Amino acid sequence: MIDRNIGSTERIVRFVIGTLLVGGVLASERFGLGQAIALIAAFALFWNSIFARCYLWKWLGLNTCDPSREECHGGSGNTRA
């Protein structure tokens, strides 16, 4: 698994945008391709906000996680030796 690369503020923003996308789909009168794409994007944003990892950011070499915070280093949570 990759190191955490999403900071706290960005995690909140991603969660809010995901919530707005789901709300937009629920408020829609019909379900089509646009709504399906919105739900997939919302799922990805929720996943990123929960686990603080984004493979696109990794691929682009971006990191908004504060390096002074312990959780941004290694951050897998595993205690295996």
Protein backbone atom coordinates (compact mmCIF):
# COMPACT_ATOMS: atom_id res chain seq x y z
CA MET A 1 0.00 0.00 0.00
CA ILE A 2 1.23 3.51 -0.69
CA ASP A 3 2.04 6.05 2.00
CA ARG A 4 -0.62 8.53 3.01
CA ASN A 5 -0.51 11.48 0.64
CA ILE A 6 -3.72 13.39 1.40
CA GLY A 7 -3.84 15.98 4.18
CA SER A 8 -6.70 16.58 6.62
CA THR A 9 -8.17 19.57 4.79
CA GLU A 10 -8.15 17.77 1.46
CA ARG A 11 -9.76 14.72 3.06
CA ILE A 12 -12.63 16.89 4.31
CA VAL A 13 -13.01 18.57 0.91
CA ARG A 14 -13.10 15.20 -0.86
CA PHE A 15 -15.72 13.91 1.59
CA VAL A 16 -17.92 17.00 1.09
CA ILE A 17 -17.66 16.80 -2.71
CA GLY A 18 -18.51 13.09 -2.59
CA THR A 19 -21.54 13.86 -0.43
CA LEU A 20 -22.67 16.57 -2.86
CA LEU A 21 -22.32 14.17 -5.79
CA VAL A 22 -24.44 11.52 -4.05
CA GLY A 23 -27.00 14.20 -3.14
CA GLY A 24 -27.14 15.31 -6.77
CA VAL A 25 -27.75 11.75 -7.92
CA LEU A 26 -30.49 11.25 -5.32
CA ALA A 27 -32.14 14.53 -6.32
CA SER A 28 -32.08 13.58 -10.00
CA GLU A 29 -35.33 12.51 -11.63
CA ARG A 30 -33.68 9.76 -13.66
CA PHE A 31 -30.60 7.58 -13.50
CA GLY A 32 -28.34 7.57 -16.52
CA LEU A 33 -24.70 7.52 -17.50
CA GLY A 34 -23.99 10.88 -15.85
CA GLN A 35 -25.38 9.71 -12.54
CA ALA A 36 -23.43 6.45 -12.74
CA ILE A 37 -20.19 8.37 -13.35
CA ALA A 38 -21.04 10.69 -10.45
CA LEU A 39 -21.54 7.70 -8.11
CA ILE A 40 -18.22 6.16 -9.18
CA ALA A 41 -16.47 9.50 -8.59
CA ALA A 42 -18.21 9.84 -5.20
CA PHE A 43 -17.07 6.34 -4.21
CA ALA A 44 -13.48 7.19 -5.17
CA LEU A 45 -13.61 10.44 -3.20
CA PHE A 46 -15.05 8.72 -0.13
CA TRP A 47 -12.40 5.99 -0.38
CA ASN A 48 -9.65 8.64 -0.61
CA SER A 49 -11.05 10.63 2.31
CA ILE A 50 -11.26 7.57 4.54
CA PHE A 51 -7.82 6.11 3.83
CA ALA A 52 -5.91 9.36 3.03
CA ARG A 53 -4.34 7.81 -0.05
CA CYS A 54 -4.76 8.75 -3.69
CA TYR A 55 -3.08 6.75 -6.43
CA LEU A 56 -3.49 9.61 -8.93
CA TRP A 57 -1.63 11.95 -6.54
CA LYS A 58 1.05 9.26 -6.13
CA TRP A 59 1.42 8.95 -9.91
CA LEU A 60 1.63 12.75 -10.27
CA GLY A 61 4.09 13.03 -7.37
CA LEU A 62 1.74 15.17 -5.26
CA ASN A 63 1.47 15.04 -1.48
CA THR A 64 -0.72 17.30 0.67
CA CYS A 65 -0.14 15.34 3.87
CA ASP A 66 1.77 17.44 6.44
CA PRO A 67 5.21 15.78 6.77
CA SER A 68 5.46 16.86 10.43
CA ARG A 69 2.53 14.57 11.34
CA GLU A 70 3.35 11.02 12.40
CA GLU A 71 0.50 9.50 10.37
CA CYS A 72 2.02 10.74 7.11
CA HIS A 73 5.10 8.55 7.44
CA GLY A 74 4.58 4.97 6.38
CA GLY A 75 1.12 5.22 7.83
CA SER A 76 -0.02 1.73 6.93
CA GLY A 77 -0.94 1.02 10.53
CA ASN A 78 0.61 -2.43 10.37
CA THR A 79 2.78 -3.47 13.28
CA ARG A 80 4.23 -6.54 11.57
CA ALA A 81 7.96 -7.03 11.96
